[in-house]
Amino acid sequence: MILKKIPVETALGEPTNCYIVEDEQTKEAMCVDPGGEPEKIIEMLDTLGIDNLKYIYLTHCHGDHFGGILELKEKKGGKVLIHRDDAEGLYNIGISLTYYIGMEDITLEADSRVDEGDLIHIGNIEFKVIHTPGHTKGGTCLYCEKEKLLFSGDTLFRGTWGRTDLPTSNFADIINSITNKLAILPDDTIVYPGHGRTTRIKEEEPIYLSLRPRLD
């Protein structure tokens, strides 16, 4: 598997982590959260020799996670996937918050809506959809057991969790999602969040299971 992390600038003023996953054998690829700077994402796809994306996966419906999607989809294709509970946010600016961060309005429809437990295949790589409401009601993470990695969107960051003061967000839900769905994953699972640095499940478990803060 080839995995590329691309921090892209967004109207939010904070880089969003966009990820590209490619199966080296089949050359199928997926882009996770193209939040902005589509030209940078397209350049990386060209460097990897990827002409056609299989999927564009959105961990949730906030504008800083899909701001580069229209140009990316136009030039590289890809079916847009998002959890069904967040699909409305792609065309409802009151949920996507595009106006709030000063971003040009983008409205689109998902090609497919995913649910808890759905399996997404990129060549021989299998990802499982984990529904993790809290930051948004339809927030999800993507887990690959074989590669021991998790794309956590804005649910779980290094040392903290996503905001819960936004439309459709809920503090109890996000803590429940992390404690009961993410912290139970294998300790050596690498967490690739929507913003900031990579971490591992074993490094975050104490915050939620033992109520001990990180000190680094």
N, C-alpha and C. Protein backbone atom coordinates (compact mmCIF):
# COMPACT_ATOMS: atom_id res chain seq x y z
N MET A 1 0.84 -1.19 0.00
CA MET A 1 0.00 0.00 0.00
C MET A 1 0.87 1.24 0.00
N ILE A 2 0.47 2.22 -0.80
CA ILE A 2 1.10 3.54 -0.79
C ILE A 2 0.17 4.50 -0.08
N LEU A 3 0.69 5.22 0.90
CA LEU A 3 -0.11 6.19 1.65
C LEU A 3 0.62 7.52 1.65
N LYS A 4 -0.07 8.57 1.20
CA LYS A 4 0.50 9.91 1.19
C LYS A 4 -0.38 10.85 2.01
N LYS A 5 0.24 11.60 2.89
CA LYS A 5 -0.44 12.62 3.67
C LYS A 5 -0.14 13.98 3.07
N ILE A 6 -1.19 14.75 2.77
CA ILE A 6 -1.03 16.05 2.13
C ILE A 6 -1.75 17.11 2.98
N PRO A 7 -1.02 17.88 3.77
CA PRO A 7 -1.68 18.98 4.49
C PRO A 7 -2.08 20.06 3.48
N VAL A 8 -3.37 20.38 3.43
CA VAL A 8 -3.85 21.37 2.47
C VAL A 8 -4.43 22.56 3.22
N GLU A 9 -4.19 23.75 2.69
CA GLU A 9 -4.71 24.96 3.31
C GLU A 9 -6.20 25.11 2.99
N THR A 10 -6.96 25.58 3.96
CA THR A 10 -8.39 25.76 3.79
C THR A 10 -8.78 27.15 4.27
N ALA A 11 -10.03 27.51 4.02
CA ALA A 11 -10.53 28.81 4.47
C ALA A 11 -10.55 28.91 5.98
N LEU A 12 -10.49 27.79 6.66
CA LEU A 12 -10.51 27.77 8.12
C LEU A 12 -9.25 28.40 8.71
N GLY A 13 -8.18 28.42 7.91
CA GLY A 13 -6.92 28.97 8.41
C GLY A 13 -6.06 27.93 9.11
N GLU A 14 -6.48 26.70 9.08
CA GLU A 14 -5.75 25.58 9.68
C GLU A 14 -5.67 24.47 8.64
N PRO A 15 -4.49 23.91 8.41
CA PRO A 15 -4.38 22.85 7.39
C PRO A 15 -5.25 21.64 7.75
N THR A 16 -5.85 21.09 6.72
CA THR A 16 -6.56 19.82 6.86
C THR A 16 -5.69 18.72 6.27
N ASN A 17 -5.63 17.59 6.93
CA ASN A 17 -4.86 16.47 6.41
C ASN A 17 -5.69 15.71 5.37
N CYS A 18 -5.23 15.78 4.13
CA CYS A 18 -5.81 14.99 3.05
C CYS A 18 -4.92 13.76 2.86
N TYR A 19 -5.53 12.63 2.58
CA TYR A 19 -4.75 11.40 2.43
C TYR A 19 -5.08 10.74 1.09
N ILE A 20 -4.05 10.16 0.48
CA ILE A 20 -4.22 9.36 -0.73
C ILE A 20 -3.74 7.95 -0.42
N VAL A 21 -4.59 6.98 -0.73
CA VAL A 21 -4.25 5.57 -0.55
C VAL A 21 -4.28 4.90 -1.92
N GLU A 22 -3.23 4.16 -2.21
CA GLU A 22 -3.17 3.44 -3.49
C GLU A 22 -2.77 1.99 -3.25
N ASP A 23 -3.47 1.08 -3.92
CA ASP A 23 -3.06 -0.31 -3.94
C ASP A 23 -2.02 -0.48 -5.04
N GLU A 24 -0.82 -0.87 -4.68
CA GLU A 24 0.28 -0.92 -5.64
C GLU A 24 0.05 -1.94 -6.75
N GLN A 25 -0.69 -3.00 -6.48
CA GLN A 25 -0.89 -4.04 -7.47
C GLN A 25 -1.94 -3.66 -8.51
N THR A 26 -3.09 -3.16 -8.03
CA THR A 26 -4.19 -2.87 -8.94
C THR A 26 -4.19 -1.42 -9.42
N LYS A 27 -3.45 -0.55 -8.71
CA LYS A 27 -3.39 0.89 -9.00
C LYS A 27 -4.70 1.61 -8.70
N GLU A 28 -5.60 0.94 -8.00
CA GLU A 28 -6.80 1.64 -7.54
C GLU A 28 -6.43 2.58 -6.40
N ALA A 29 -7.15 3.69 -6.30
CA ALA A 29 -6.79 4.69 -5.30
C ALA A 29 -8.03 5.37 -4.72
N MET A 30 -7.84 5.94 -3.53
CA MET A 30 -8.89 6.67 -2.83
C MET A 30 -8.27 7.93 -2.23
N CYS A 31 -9.02 9.02 -2.26
CA CYS A 31 -8.61 10.25 -1.61
C CYS A 31 -9.55 10.50 -0.42
N VAL A 32 -8.96 10.76 0.74
CA VAL A 32 -9.74 11.01 1.95
C VAL A 32 -9.65 12.50 2.30
N ASP A 33 -10.79 13.15 2.38
CA ASP A 33 -10.91 14.54 2.84
C ASP A 33 -10.08 15.56 2.03
N PRO A 34 -10.45 15.79 0.78
CA PRO A 34 -9.77 16.83 -0.01
C PRO A 34 -10.26 18.23 0.38
N GLY A 35 -9.73 18.75 1.48
CA GLY A 35 -10.26 19.96 2.07
C GLY A 35 -9.96 21.26 1.35
N GLY A 36 -8.96 21.25 0.48
CA GLY A 36 -8.57 22.47 -0.23
C GLY A 36 -7.39 22.19 -1.14
N GLU A 37 -6.88 23.24 -1.78
CA GLU A 37 -5.73 23.13 -2.68
C GLU A 37 -5.80 21.90 -3.59
N PRO A 38 -6.85 21.82 -4.40
CA PRO A 38 -6.99 20.64 -5.26
C PRO A 38 -5.81 20.43 -6.20
N GLU A 39 -5.16 21.55 -6.59
CA GLU A 39 -4.02 21.40 -7.49
C GLU A 39 -2.89 20.61 -6.83
N LYS A 40 -2.72 20.78 -5.53
CA LYS A 40 -1.69 20.03 -4.81
C LYS A 40 -2.03 18.54 -4.75
N ILE A 41 -3.29 18.24 -4.55
CA ILE A 41 -3.74 16.85 -4.51
C ILE A 41 -3.59 16.20 -5.89
N ILE A 42 -4.00 16.94 -6.92
CA ILE A 42 -3.91 16.42 -8.28
C ILE A 42 -2.45 16.19 -8.68
N GLU A 43 -1.58 17.10 -8.26
CA GLU A 43 -0.15 16.94 -8.55
C GLU A 43 0.39 15.65 -7.93
N MET A 44 -0.03 15.35 -6.70
CA MET A 44 0.42 14.12 -6.07
C MET A 44 -0.12 12.89 -6.80
N LEU A 45 -1.38 12.95 -7.21
CA LEU A 45 -1.96 11.84 -7.97
C LEU A 45 -1.21 11.64 -9.28
N ASP A 46 -0.85 12.72 -9.94
CA ASP A 46 -0.08 12.62 -11.18
C ASP A 46 1.29 12.01 -10.92
N THR A 47 1.91 12.42 -9.83
CA THR A 47 3.22 11.87 -9.48
C THR A 47 3.15 10.37 -9.25
N LEU A 48 2.05 9.92 -8.67
CA LEU A 48 1.85 8.49 -8.42
C LEU A 48 1.36 7.75 -9.66
N GLY A 49 1.05 8.49 -10.73
CA GLY A 49 0.56 7.87 -11.95
C GLY A 49 -0.89 7.44 -11.87
N ILE A 50 -1.67 8.12 -11.02
CA ILE A 50 -3.08 7.78 -10.85
C ILE A 50 -3.93 8.68 -11.74
N ASP A 51 -4.56 8.10 -12.74
CA ASP A 51 -5.38 8.88 -13.66
C ASP A 51 -6.83 8.94 -13.22
N ASN A 52 -7.28 7.88 -12.57
CA ASN A 52 -8.68 7.83 -12.17
C ASN A 52 -8.81 7.35 -10.73
N LEU A 53 -9.42 8.18 -9.91
CA LEU A 53 -9.70 7.78 -8.54
C LEU A 53 -10.89 6.83 -8.51
N LYS A 54 -10.86 5.89 -7.56
CA LYS A 54 -12.03 5.05 -7.37
C LYS A 54 -13.02 5.74 -6.44
N TYR A 55 -12.52 6.29 -5.33
CA TYR A 55 -13.39 6.93 -4.36
C TYR A 55 -12.80 8.23 -3.84
N ILE A 56 -13.67 9.16 -3.48
CA ILE A 56 -13.33 10.32 -2.67
C ILE A 56 -14.13 10.16 -1.39
N TYR A 57 -13.45 9.87 -0.30
CA TYR A 57 -14.13 9.56 0.95
C TYR A 57 -14.10 10.77 1.88
N LEU A 58 -15.27 11.13 2.39
CA LEU A 58 -15.38 12.26 3.32
C LEU A 58 -15.71 11.73 4.71
N THR A 59 -14.83 12.03 5.68
CA THR A 59 -15.06 11.55 7.04
C THR A 59 -16.23 12.27 7.69
N HIS A 60 -16.52 13.48 7.23
CA HIS A 60 -17.70 14.21 7.70
C HIS A 60 -17.96 15.39 6.76
N CYS A 61 -18.99 16.16 7.05
CA CYS A 61 -19.52 17.10 6.06
C CYS A 61 -19.10 18.54 6.24
N HIS A 62 -18.03 18.82 6.96
CA HIS A 62 -17.59 20.20 7.12
C HIS A 62 -16.79 20.68 5.92
N GLY A 63 -16.97 21.96 5.57
CA GLY A 63 -16.38 22.50 4.36
C GLY A 63 -14.87 22.40 4.29
N ASP A 64 -14.20 22.45 5.44
CA ASP A 64 -12.73 22.37 5.41
C ASP A 64 -12.24 20.95 5.13
N HIS A 65 -13.18 20.03 4.91
CA HIS A 65 -12.80 18.67 4.53
C HIS A 65 -13.23 18.31 3.11
N PHE A 66 -13.99 19.18 2.46
CA PHE A 66 -14.34 18.88 1.07
C PHE A 66 -14.17 20.09 0.14
N GLY A 67 -13.44 21.11 0.58
CA GLY A 67 -13.30 22.33 -0.22
C GLY A 67 -12.66 22.16 -1.58
N GLY A 68 -11.87 21.10 -1.77
CA GLY A 68 -11.20 20.89 -3.07
C GLY A 68 -11.86 19.84 -3.93
N ILE A 69 -13.07 19.44 -3.54
CA ILE A 69 -13.64 18.24 -4.16
C ILE A 69 -14.10 18.42 -5.60
N LEU A 70 -14.64 19.59 -5.93
CA LEU A 70 -15.20 19.76 -7.28
C LEU A 70 -14.14 19.65 -8.36
N GLU A 71 -13.04 20.37 -8.19
CA GLU A 71 -11.97 20.31 -9.19
C GLU A 71 -11.32 18.92 -9.21
N LEU A 72 -11.15 18.34 -8.04
CA LEU A 72 -10.57 17.00 -7.98
C LEU A 72 -11.44 15.99 -8.71
N LYS A 73 -12.73 16.02 -8.45
CA LYS A 73 -13.64 15.07 -9.09
C LYS A 73 -13.71 15.31 -10.59
N GLU A 74 -13.68 16.58 -11.00
CA GLU A 74 -13.73 16.89 -12.43
C GLU A 74 -12.52 16.33 -13.17
N LYS A 75 -11.35 16.42 -12.56
CA LYS A 75 -10.12 16.03 -13.26
C LYS A 75 -9.70 14.58 -13.02
N LYS A 76 -10.11 14.02 -11.88
CA LYS A 76 -9.66 12.66 -11.57
C LYS A 76 -10.78 11.67 -11.31
N GLY A 77 -12.02 12.14 -11.37
CA GLY A 77 -13.13 11.24 -11.12
C GLY A 77 -13.23 10.86 -9.66
N GLY A 78 -13.87 9.74 -9.41
CA GLY A 78 -14.02 9.26 -8.04
C GLY A 78 -15.44 9.41 -7.53
N LYS A 79 -15.99 8.34 -6.99
CA LYS A 79 -17.31 8.40 -6.38
C LYS A 79 -17.21 8.98 -4.98
N VAL A 80 -18.06 9.95 -4.69
CA VAL A 80 -18.04 10.61 -3.38
C VAL A 80 -18.83 9.76 -2.38
N LEU A 81 -18.15 9.39 -1.29
CA LEU A 81 -18.76 8.58 -0.25
C LEU A 81 -18.80 9.35 1.06
N ILE A 82 -19.92 9.27 1.77
CA ILE A 82 -20.07 9.90 3.08
C ILE A 82 -21.16 9.15 3.82
N HIS A 83 -21.13 9.18 5.14
CA HIS A 83 -22.18 8.52 5.92
C HIS A 83 -23.52 9.18 5.63
N ARG A 84 -24.56 8.39 5.63
CA ARG A 84 -25.89 8.89 5.25
C ARG A 84 -26.36 10.02 6.17
N ASP A 85 -25.94 10.00 7.44
CA ASP A 85 -26.38 11.04 8.36
C ASP A 85 -25.69 12.39 8.13
N ASP A 86 -24.64 12.40 7.33
CA ASP A 86 -23.94 13.64 7.02
C ASP A 86 -24.14 14.08 5.57
N ALA A 87 -24.87 13.31 4.80
CA ALA A 87 -25.04 13.63 3.37
C ALA A 87 -25.71 14.99 3.18
N GLU A 88 -26.64 15.35 4.06
CA GLU A 88 -27.32 16.64 3.93
C GLU A 88 -26.35 17.80 4.05
N GLY A 89 -25.31 17.62 4.83
CA GLY A 89 -24.35 18.69 5.04
C GLY A 89 -23.58 19.10 3.79
N LEU A 90 -23.61 18.28 2.77
CA LEU A 90 -22.92 18.62 1.53
C LEU A 90 -23.66 19.68 0.73
N TYR A 91 -24.92 19.91 1.06
CA TYR A 91 -25.68 20.95 0.36
C TYR A 91 -26.43 21.87 1.31
N ASN A 92 -26.19 21.74 2.60
CA ASN A 92 -26.81 22.60 3.60
C ASN A 92 -25.71 23.39 4.31
N ILE A 93 -25.59 24.68 3.99
CA ILE A 93 -24.47 25.46 4.51
C ILE A 93 -24.59 25.68 6.02
N GLY A 94 -25.78 25.49 6.57
CA GLY A 94 -25.93 25.60 8.00
C GLY A 94 -25.27 24.45 8.74
N ILE A 95 -25.00 23.37 8.03
CA ILE A 95 -24.33 22.20 8.62
C ILE A 95 -22.87 22.14 8.19
N SER A 96 -22.61 22.44 6.92
CA SER A 96 -21.23 22.38 6.41
C SER A 96 -20.36 23.51 6.95
N LEU A 97 -21.02 24.61 7.36
CA LEU A 97 -20.34 25.79 7.93
C LEU A 97 -19.42 26.49 6.94
N THR A 98 -19.67 26.32 5.64
CA THR A 98 -18.83 27.00 4.65
C THR A 98 -18.90 28.52 4.81
N TYR A 99 -20.08 29.03 5.14
CA TYR A 99 -20.24 30.48 5.33
C TYR A 99 -19.47 30.94 6.56
N TYR A 100 -19.44 30.10 7.59
CA TYR A 100 -18.84 30.47 8.87
C TYR A 100 -17.32 30.64 8.74
N ILE A 101 -16.69 29.84 7.89
CA ILE A 101 -15.24 29.92 7.74
C ILE A 101 -14.84 30.79 6.55
N GLY A 102 -15.83 31.46 5.94
CA GLY A 102 -15.53 32.35 4.83
C GLY A 102 -15.18 31.62 3.54
N MET A 103 -15.76 30.47 3.34
CA MET A 103 -15.46 29.64 2.18
C MET A 103 -16.57 29.79 1.14
N GLU A 104 -16.20 29.77 -0.12
CA GLU A 104 -17.19 29.81 -1.19
C GLU A 104 -18.09 28.60 -1.07
N ASP A 105 -19.39 28.82 -1.22
CA ASP A 105 -20.34 27.73 -1.07
C ASP A 105 -20.13 26.65 -2.13
N ILE A 106 -20.11 25.43 -1.67
CA ILE A 106 -20.03 24.27 -2.55
C ILE A 106 -21.20 23.37 -2.19
N THR A 107 -21.99 23.03 -3.17
CA THR A 107 -23.09 22.10 -2.93
C THR A 107 -22.93 20.90 -3.85
N LEU A 108 -23.05 19.72 -3.32
CA LEU A 108 -22.93 18.52 -4.13
C LEU A 108 -23.70 17.40 -3.46
N GLU A 109 -23.95 16.37 -4.22
CA GLU A 109 -24.61 15.17 -3.73
C GLU A 109 -23.58 14.05 -3.66
N ALA A 110 -23.67 13.26 -2.63
CA ALA A 110 -22.82 12.08 -2.55
C ALA A 110 -23.25 11.06 -3.60
N ASP A 111 -22.27 10.33 -4.12
CA ASP A 111 -22.61 9.25 -5.06
C ASP A 111 -23.15 8.04 -4.31
N SER A 112 -22.63 7.81 -3.11
CA SER A 112 -23.12 6.71 -2.27
C SER A 112 -23.04 7.12 -0.81
N ARG A 113 -23.98 6.60 -0.04
CA ARG A 113 -24.00 6.84 1.40
C ARG A 113 -23.58 5.56 2.11
N VAL A 114 -22.69 5.71 3.07
CA VAL A 114 -22.17 4.54 3.77
C VAL A 114 -22.81 4.43 5.15
N ASP A 115 -22.67 3.23 5.73
CA ASP A 115 -23.22 2.95 7.05
C ASP A 115 -22.18 2.21 7.89
N GLU A 116 -22.43 2.14 9.18
CA GLU A 116 -21.59 1.39 10.10
C GLU A 116 -21.34 -0.03 9.58
N GLY A 117 -20.05 -0.42 9.54
CA GLY A 117 -19.71 -1.78 9.16
C GLY A 117 -19.52 -2.01 7.67
N ASP A 118 -19.85 -1.01 6.85
CA ASP A 118 -19.63 -1.17 5.41
C ASP A 118 -18.15 -1.39 5.13
N LEU A 119 -17.86 -2.16 4.09
CA LEU A 119 -16.48 -2.44 3.69
C LEU A 119 -16.18 -1.74 2.37
N ILE A 120 -15.08 -1.05 2.32
CA ILE A 120 -14.65 -0.33 1.13
C ILE A 120 -13.34 -0.94 0.65
N HIS A 121 -13.29 -1.31 -0.62
CA HIS A 121 -12.11 -1.97 -1.15
C HIS A 121 -11.39 -1.08 -2.16
N ILE A 122 -10.11 -0.91 -1.92
CA ILE A 122 -9.22 -0.24 -2.86
C ILE A 122 -8.24 -1.31 -3.31
N GLY A 123 -8.52 -1.91 -4.45
CA GLY A 123 -7.74 -3.07 -4.85
C GLY A 123 -7.89 -4.16 -3.81
N ASN A 124 -6.75 -4.60 -3.25
CA ASN A 124 -6.75 -5.65 -2.24
C ASN A 124 -6.76 -5.10 -0.82
N ILE A 125 -6.93 -3.79 -0.68
CA ILE A 125 -6.94 -3.16 0.64
C ILE A 125 -8.39 -2.98 1.08
N GLU A 126 -8.69 -3.44 2.29
CA GLU A 126 -10.06 -3.35 2.80
C GLU A 126 -10.14 -2.39 3.97
N PHE A 127 -11.08 -1.46 3.88
CA PHE A 127 -11.36 -0.52 4.96
C PHE A 127 -12.76 -0.78 5.50
N LYS A 128 -12.89 -0.69 6.80
CA LYS A 128 -14.19 -0.83 7.46
C LYS A 128 -14.66 0.53 7.94
N VAL A 129 -15.91 0.85 7.66
CA VAL A 129 -16.50 2.10 8.11
C VAL A 129 -16.91 1.97 9.57
N ILE A 130 -16.42 2.90 10.42
CA ILE A 130 -16.83 2.96 11.81
C ILE A 130 -17.58 4.28 12.01
N HIS A 131 -18.85 4.18 12.32
CA HIS A 131 -19.66 5.38 12.55
C HIS A 131 -19.31 5.96 13.91
N THR A 132 -18.80 7.18 13.92
CA THR A 132 -18.36 7.81 15.17
C THR A 132 -19.02 9.18 15.34
N PRO A 133 -20.30 9.21 15.64
CA PRO A 133 -20.98 10.50 15.84
C PRO A 133 -20.39 11.26 17.01
N GLY A 134 -20.54 12.57 16.95
CA GLY A 134 -20.05 13.43 18.03
C GLY A 134 -19.60 14.77 17.50
N HIS A 135 -18.62 14.77 16.59
CA HIS A 135 -18.22 16.01 15.94
C HIS A 135 -19.31 16.44 14.96
N THR A 136 -19.84 15.49 14.24
CA THR A 136 -21.09 15.61 13.48
C THR A 136 -21.85 14.31 13.69
N LYS A 137 -23.14 14.33 13.39
CA LYS A 137 -23.92 13.12 13.66
C LYS A 137 -23.57 11.98 12.70
N GLY A 138 -22.99 12.32 11.56
CA GLY A 138 -22.63 11.28 10.60
C GLY A 138 -21.13 11.13 10.41
N GLY A 139 -20.35 11.56 11.38
CA GLY A 139 -18.91 11.41 11.29
C GLY A 139 -18.50 9.95 11.27
N THR A 140 -17.47 9.63 10.53
CA THR A 140 -16.98 8.26 10.46
C THR A 140 -15.46 8.21 10.50
N CYS A 141 -14.96 7.03 10.82
CA CYS A 141 -13.54 6.73 10.69
C CYS A 141 -13.42 5.52 9.75
N LEU A 142 -12.26 5.41 9.12
CA LEU A 142 -11.98 4.27 8.25
C LEU A 142 -10.86 3.45 8.86
N TYR A 143 -11.11 2.16 9.06
CA TYR A 143 -10.14 1.29 9.72
C TYR A 143 -9.67 0.20 8.78
N CYS A 144 -8.35 0.05 8.66
CA CYS A 144 -7.77 -1.03 7.87
C CYS A 144 -7.02 -1.96 8.82
N GLU A 145 -7.57 -3.11 9.07
CA GLU A 145 -6.97 -4.05 10.02
C GLU A 145 -5.63 -4.57 9.51
N LYS A 146 -5.55 -4.88 8.23
CA LYS A 146 -4.32 -5.44 7.66
C LYS A 146 -3.15 -4.47 7.79
N GLU A 147 -3.38 -3.20 7.52
CA GLU A 147 -2.32 -2.20 7.56
C GLU A 147 -2.21 -1.53 8.93
N LYS A 148 -3.10 -1.88 9.84
CA LYS A 148 -3.09 -1.34 11.21
C LYS A 148 -3.14 0.19 11.21
N LEU A 149 -4.12 0.73 10.51
CA LEU A 149 -4.26 2.18 10.46
C LEU A 149 -5.71 2.61 10.52
N LEU A 150 -5.89 3.84 10.99
CA LEU A 150 -7.22 4.42 11.13
C LEU A 150 -7.19 5.86 10.64
N PHE A 151 -8.08 6.20 9.71
CA PHE A 151 -8.32 7.59 9.36
C PHE A 151 -9.44 8.08 10.28
N SER A 152 -9.09 8.99 11.19
CA SER A 152 -10.04 9.33 12.26
C SER A 152 -10.81 10.63 12.02
N GLY A 153 -10.57 11.31 10.89
CA GLY A 153 -11.30 12.54 10.63
C GLY A 153 -11.13 13.52 11.78
N ASP A 154 -12.22 14.14 12.21
CA ASP A 154 -12.16 15.07 13.34
C ASP A 154 -12.76 14.46 14.61
N THR A 155 -12.78 13.13 14.66
CA THR A 155 -13.24 12.47 15.88
C THR A 155 -12.13 12.41 16.92
N LEU A 156 -10.98 11.88 16.52
CA LEU A 156 -9.87 11.68 17.45
C LEU A 156 -8.61 12.35 16.92
N PHE A 157 -8.02 13.21 17.73
CA PHE A 157 -6.74 13.84 17.43
C PHE A 157 -5.70 13.37 18.43
N ARG A 158 -4.48 13.80 18.23
CA ARG A 158 -3.42 13.51 19.20
C ARG A 158 -3.71 14.30 20.48
N GLY A 159 -4.11 13.59 21.51
CA GLY A 159 -4.33 14.20 22.80
C GLY A 159 -5.66 14.88 23.03
N THR A 160 -6.57 14.79 22.08
CA THR A 160 -7.86 15.45 22.27
C THR A 160 -8.89 14.90 21.29
N TRP A 161 -10.05 15.52 21.28
CA TRP A 161 -11.15 15.10 20.40
C TRP A 161 -11.65 16.30 19.62
N GLY A 162 -12.54 16.04 18.66
CA GLY A 162 -13.08 17.11 17.83
C GLY A 162 -14.06 18.00 18.57
N ARG A 163 -14.30 19.18 18.04
CA ARG A 163 -15.22 20.13 18.66
C ARG A 163 -16.64 19.56 18.73
N THR A 164 -17.32 19.95 19.78
CA THR A 164 -18.71 19.49 19.95
C THR A 164 -19.67 20.65 20.21
N ASP A 165 -19.29 21.82 19.72
CA ASP A 165 -20.16 23.00 19.87
C ASP A 165 -20.69 23.46 18.51
N LEU A 166 -20.82 22.54 17.58
CA LEU A 166 -21.22 22.85 16.21
C LEU A 166 -22.54 22.15 15.89
N PRO A 167 -23.21 22.55 14.79
CA PRO A 167 -24.47 21.90 14.43
C PRO A 167 -24.32 20.38 14.31
N THR A 168 -25.20 19.66 14.89
CA THR A 168 -25.32 18.19 14.93
C THR A 168 -24.24 17.53 15.80
N SER A 169 -23.39 18.31 16.48
CA SER A 169 -22.36 17.70 17.32
C SER A 169 -22.90 17.45 18.73
N ASN A 170 -22.19 16.55 19.46
CA ASN A 170 -22.64 16.19 20.80
C ASN A 170 -21.47 15.62 21.59
N PHE A 171 -21.19 16.21 22.75
CA PHE A 171 -20.04 15.80 23.54
C PHE A 171 -20.14 14.35 24.01
N ALA A 172 -21.28 13.97 24.55
CA ALA A 172 -21.44 12.59 25.04
C ALA A 172 -21.24 11.59 23.92
N ASP A 173 -21.72 11.93 22.73
CA ASP A 173 -21.59 11.02 21.59
C ASP A 173 -20.12 10.82 21.19
N ILE A 174 -19.34 11.92 21.16
CA ILE A 174 -17.96 11.77 20.70
C ILE A 174 -17.13 10.98 21.71
N ILE A 175 -17.35 11.20 22.98
CA ILE A 175 -16.63 10.43 23.99
C ILE A 175 -17.03 8.96 23.93
N ASN A 176 -18.31 8.71 23.72
CA ASN A 176 -18.78 7.33 23.56
C ASN A 176 -18.17 6.68 22.33
N SER A 177 -18.09 7.43 21.22
CA SER A 177 -17.51 6.89 19.99
C SER A 177 -16.05 6.50 20.20
N ILE A 178 -15.31 7.38 20.84
CA ILE A 178 -13.88 7.11 21.05
C ILE A 178 -13.68 5.97 22.04
N THR A 179 -14.40 6.01 23.14
CA THR A 179 -14.21 5.00 24.19
C THR A 179 -14.64 3.62 23.76
N ASN A 180 -15.78 3.53 23.10
CA ASN A 180 -16.37 2.22 22.80
C ASN A 180 -16.09 1.69 21.39
N LYS A 181 -15.58 2.58 20.51
CA LYS A 181 -15.34 2.11 19.14
C LYS A 181 -13.89 2.23 18.70
N LEU A 182 -13.19 3.26 19.19
CA LEU A 182 -11.81 3.46 18.73
C LEU A 182 -10.78 2.96 19.74
N ALA A 183 -10.99 3.22 21.00
CA ALA A 183 -10.01 2.81 22.01
C ALA A 183 -9.89 1.29 22.13
N ILE A 184 -10.87 0.57 21.60
CA ILE A 184 -10.83 -0.90 21.65
C ILE A 184 -10.04 -1.50 20.48
N LEU A 185 -9.61 -0.68 19.54
CA LEU A 185 -8.81 -1.18 18.44
C LEU A 185 -7.43 -1.59 18.95
N PRO A 186 -6.69 -2.41 18.20
CA PRO A 186 -5.36 -2.83 18.66
C PRO A 186 -4.47 -1.65 19.02
N ASP A 187 -3.67 -1.82 20.07
CA ASP A 187 -2.84 -0.74 20.58
C ASP A 187 -1.92 -0.13 19.52
N ASP A 188 -1.42 -0.96 18.60
CA ASP A 188 -0.44 -0.46 17.63
C ASP A 188 -1.08 0.16 16.39
N THR A 189 -2.40 0.35 16.42
CA THR A 189 -3.08 1.01 15.30
C THR A 189 -2.61 2.46 15.17
N ILE A 190 -2.15 2.83 13.99
CA ILE A 190 -1.71 4.19 13.73
C ILE A 190 -2.93 5.04 13.39
N VAL A 191 -3.04 6.19 14.04
CA VAL A 191 -4.18 7.08 13.84
C VAL A 191 -3.75 8.27 12.98
N TYR A 192 -4.41 8.41 11.84
CA TYR A 192 -4.18 9.54 10.93
C TYR A 192 -5.37 10.48 11.03
N PRO A 193 -5.21 11.59 11.77
CA PRO A 193 -6.35 12.47 12.03
C PRO A 193 -6.59 13.50 10.93
N GLY A 194 -7.71 14.20 11.06
CA GLY A 194 -8.07 15.22 10.07
C GLY A 194 -7.22 16.47 10.18
N HIS A 195 -6.62 16.69 11.33
CA HIS A 195 -5.72 17.83 11.55
C HIS A 195 -4.61 17.39 12.50
N GLY A 196 -3.45 17.96 12.33
CA GLY A 196 -2.38 17.71 13.28
C GLY A 196 -1.60 16.44 13.05
N ARG A 197 -0.89 16.03 14.10
CA ARG A 197 0.07 14.94 14.00
C ARG A 197 -0.56 13.56 14.17
N THR A 198 0.13 12.59 13.60
CA THR A 198 -0.26 11.19 13.73
C THR A 198 -0.04 10.73 15.17
N THR A 199 -0.82 9.73 15.59
CA THR A 199 -0.63 9.14 16.92
C THR A 199 -0.93 7.64 16.82
N ARG A 200 -1.00 6.99 17.97
CA ARG A 200 -1.36 5.57 18.03
C ARG A 200 -2.46 5.39 19.09
N ILE A 201 -3.24 4.37 18.89
CA ILE A 201 -4.33 4.10 19.83
C ILE A 201 -3.80 3.95 21.25
N LYS A 202 -2.69 3.24 21.44
CA LYS A 202 -2.19 3.01 22.79
C LYS A 202 -1.78 4.30 23.48
N GLU A 203 -1.44 5.33 22.70
CA GLU A 203 -1.05 6.60 23.29
C GLU A 203 -2.26 7.44 23.70
N GLU A 204 -3.41 7.14 23.14
CA GLU A 204 -4.62 7.92 23.43
C GLU A 204 -5.53 7.22 24.43
N GLU A 205 -5.40 5.92 24.57
CA GLU A 205 -6.28 5.17 25.47
C GLU A 205 -6.36 5.75 26.88
N PRO A 206 -5.24 6.13 27.52
CA PRO A 206 -5.33 6.61 28.90
C PRO A 206 -6.26 7.81 29.10
N ILE A 207 -6.38 8.64 28.07
CA ILE A 207 -7.24 9.82 28.19
C ILE A 207 -8.69 9.40 28.41
N TYR A 208 -9.09 8.33 27.76
CA TYR A 208 -10.50 7.94 27.77
C TYR A 208 -10.79 6.77 28.69
N LEU A 209 -9.82 5.89 28.87
CA LEU A 209 -10.06 4.70 29.68
C LEU A 209 -9.58 4.88 31.11
N SER A 210 -8.57 5.71 31.34
CA SER A 210 -8.04 5.92 32.68
C SER A 210 -8.20 7.36 33.16
N LEU A 211 -8.75 8.20 32.30
CA LEU A 211 -8.98 9.61 32.62
C LEU A 211 -7.68 10.33 33.01
N ARG A 212 -6.61 9.99 32.30
CA ARG A 212 -5.33 10.64 32.53
C ARG A 212 -4.95 11.46 31.30
N PRO A 213 -4.62 12.73 31.46
CA PRO A 213 -4.27 13.57 30.32
C PRO A 213 -2.90 13.24 29.75
N ARG A 214 -2.68 13.55 28.50
CA ARG A 214 -1.35 13.46 27.91
C ARG A 214 -0.54 14.63 28.39
N LEU A 215 0.74 14.40 28.60
CA LEU A 215 1.61 15.45 29.07
C LEU A 215 2.59 15.93 28.03
N ASP A 216 2.61 15.29 26.84
CA ASP A 216 3.54 15.71 25.79
C ASP A 216 2.83 16.53 24.73
